[in-house]
Amino acid sequence: QGQLVASGGDSVQAGGSLSPSCATTGYTSGRAYLAWFRQAPGKEREGVAALWTGDGGTWYDDSVKGRFTISQVNAERTLFLQMDNLKPEDSALYSCAARPGSGLPASPLDPRAYRNWGQGTQVTVSS
């Protein structure tokens, strides 16, 4: 089982940008679904963006489309989340997740689809 270590969260003003990353040790070979989730206090964990390393396909929650971009460095399988035009409602603990293989038991943005999780990195956006 691989390890996932997220970093790069910070506090920014609304309209600013951040690019947290997730080091994915143990997922450097084979295909896998890699994803970012977030959870704000008092709210359920929600999928933000996901990527399948097989063909590079991506999925985004409607709330972040056009503002967030998920990507990975192929050789290292480091996962990035470029977040632009940040809004106060984007404030949350952001976590990365992975599931090896080519099949998912649920939507790529459904946390139930993932077995392996990293610790979170806090993103705070002030108005």
Protein backbone atom coordinates (compact mmCIF):
# COMPACT_ATOMS: atom_id res chain seq x y z
CA GLN A 1 0.00 0.00 0.00
CA GLY A 2 1.33 3.41 -0.96
CA GLN A 3 1.56 6.57 1.03
CA LEU A 4 0.11 9.96 0.27
CA VAL A 5 1.50 13.18 1.75
CA ALA A 6 -0.23 16.47 0.97
CA SER A 7 1.34 19.89 1.47
CA GLY A 8 1.12 23.42 0.19
CA GLY A 9 -2.00 24.69 1.88
CA ASP A 10 -1.97 28.28 3.10
CA SER A 11 -4.04 31.36 3.88
CA VAL A 12 -4.79 33.69 0.98
CA GLN A 13 -7.12 36.53 0.04
CA ALA A 14 -10.11 35.91 -2.18
CA GLY A 15 -9.07 35.94 -5.82
CA GLY A 16 -5.67 34.52 -5.02
CA SER A 17 -4.08 31.23 -6.06
CA LEU A 18 -2.57 28.18 -4.38
CA SER A 19 -1.08 24.95 -5.69
CA PRO A 20 -1.03 22.23 -3.07
CA SER A 21 0.76 19.01 -3.96
CA CYS A 22 0.52 15.37 -2.93
CA ALA A 23 3.51 13.06 -2.96
CA THR A 24 2.28 9.59 -3.91
CA THR A 25 4.83 7.03 -2.80
CA GLY A 26 4.08 3.54 -3.99
CA TYR A 27 1.92 4.59 -6.92
CA THR A 28 4.70 5.12 -9.46
CA SER A 29 3.79 2.08 -11.55
CA GLY A 30 0.51 0.82 -12.91
CA ARG A 31 -2.65 2.77 -13.39
CA ALA A 32 -4.48 4.53 -10.61
CA TYR A 33 -7.19 7.02 -9.83
CA LEU A 34 -5.81 10.02 -7.94
CA ALA A 35 -8.08 12.64 -6.45
CA TRP A 36 -8.41 15.69 -4.23
CA PHE A 37 -11.16 16.00 -1.65
CA ARG A 38 -11.99 18.74 0.83
CA GLN A 39 -13.88 18.98 4.07
CA ALA A 40 -14.96 22.16 5.78
CA PRO A 41 -15.97 22.21 9.46
CA GLY A 42 -19.45 20.81 9.91
CA LYS A 43 -19.69 19.63 6.32
CA GLU A 44 -19.23 16.29 4.61
CA ARG A 45 -16.13 15.46 2.64
CA GLU A 46 -16.63 16.34 -1.02
CA GLY A 47 -14.75 15.49 -4.18
CA VAL A 48 -12.99 18.40 -5.85
CA ALA A 49 -11.07 16.86 -8.76
CA ALA A 50 -9.90 13.45 -9.91
CA LEU A 51 -7.56 12.05 -12.53
CA TRP A 52 -6.98 8.60 -14.02
CA THR A 53 -3.37 7.97 -14.91
CA GLY A 54 -4.39 5.53 -17.66
CA ASP A 55 -5.45 8.16 -20.18
CA GLY A 56 -5.16 11.39 -18.21
CA GLY A 57 -8.91 11.77 -17.95
CA THR A 58 -10.08 14.29 -15.36
CA TRP A 59 -13.25 15.05 -13.41
CA TYR A 60 -14.18 18.26 -11.56
CA ASP A 61 -16.91 19.28 -9.18
CA ASP A 62 -19.09 21.98 -10.73
CA SER A 63 -18.09 24.44 -8.00
CA VAL A 64 -14.45 24.46 -9.13
CA LYS A 65 -14.70 24.01 -12.89
CA GLY A 66 -12.72 26.69 -14.70
CA ARG A 67 -10.84 27.62 -11.52
CA PHE A 68 -9.05 24.43 -10.41
CA THR A 69 -6.79 22.16 -12.44
CA ILE A 70 -5.61 18.70 -11.37
CA SER A 71 -2.39 17.34 -12.81
CA GLN A 72 0.45 14.97 -12.07
CA VAL A 73 4.14 14.65 -12.82
CA ASN A 74 4.18 11.27 -14.53
CA ALA A 75 7.52 9.90 -13.41
CA GLU A 76 7.04 10.83 -9.80
CA ARG A 77 3.26 10.60 -9.65
CA THR A 78 3.23 13.84 -7.66
CA LEU A 79 -0.32 15.15 -7.77
CA PHE A 80 -1.01 18.87 -7.99
CA LEU A 81 -4.10 20.99 -7.63
CA GLN A 82 -3.76 24.43 -9.18
CA MET A 83 -6.39 26.60 -7.53
CA ASP A 84 -7.08 30.01 -9.06
CA ASN A 85 -9.61 32.72 -8.29
CA LEU A 86 -10.09 31.28 -4.82
CA LYS A 87 -13.29 32.07 -2.92
CA PRO A 88 -13.99 32.03 0.84
CA GLU A 89 -16.20 28.97 0.30
CA ASP A 90 -13.13 27.07 -0.93
CA SER A 91 -11.75 27.14 2.63
CA ALA A 92 -11.35 23.56 3.86
CA LEU A 93 -8.94 20.79 4.73
CA TYR A 94 -7.78 19.36 1.39
CA SER A 95 -6.79 15.69 1.21
CA CYS A 96 -5.51 13.48 -1.56
CA ALA A 97 -6.65 9.93 -2.23
CA ALA A 98 -5.68 7.07 -4.49
CA ARG A 99 -7.06 3.79 -5.80
CA PRO A 100 -4.87 1.55 -7.95
CA GLY A 101 -6.30 -0.11 -11.02
CA SER A 102 -8.76 0.84 -13.74
CA GLY A 103 -12.08 0.29 -12.03
CA LEU A 104 -13.96 2.22 -9.36
CA PRO A 105 -16.91 1.11 -7.25
CA ALA A 106 -18.30 4.66 -7.39
CA SER A 107 -17.87 8.02 -9.15
CA PRO A 108 -14.28 9.34 -9.27
CA LEU A 109 -15.46 12.22 -7.05
CA ASP A 110 -17.14 9.95 -4.50
CA PRO A 111 -14.95 9.38 -1.41
CA ARG A 112 -16.32 5.84 -1.16
CA ALA A 113 -14.37 4.97 -4.31
CA TYR A 114 -11.01 5.38 -2.58
CA ARG A 115 -9.17 3.17 -0.14
CA ASN A 116 -5.98 5.09 0.46
CA TRP A 117 -5.90 8.57 1.96
CA GLY A 118 -3.26 11.09 2.91
CA GLN A 119 -3.39 13.63 5.70
CA GLY A 120 -4.88 17.00 4.81
CA THR A 121 -3.44 20.42 4.15
CA GLN A 122 -5.44 23.47 5.24
CA VAL A 123 -6.58 26.09 2.76
CA THR A 124 -8.10 29.28 4.16
CA VAL A 125 -9.48 32.01 1.90
CA SER A 126 -10.42 35.33 3.44
CA SER A 127 -12.73 37.90 1.87
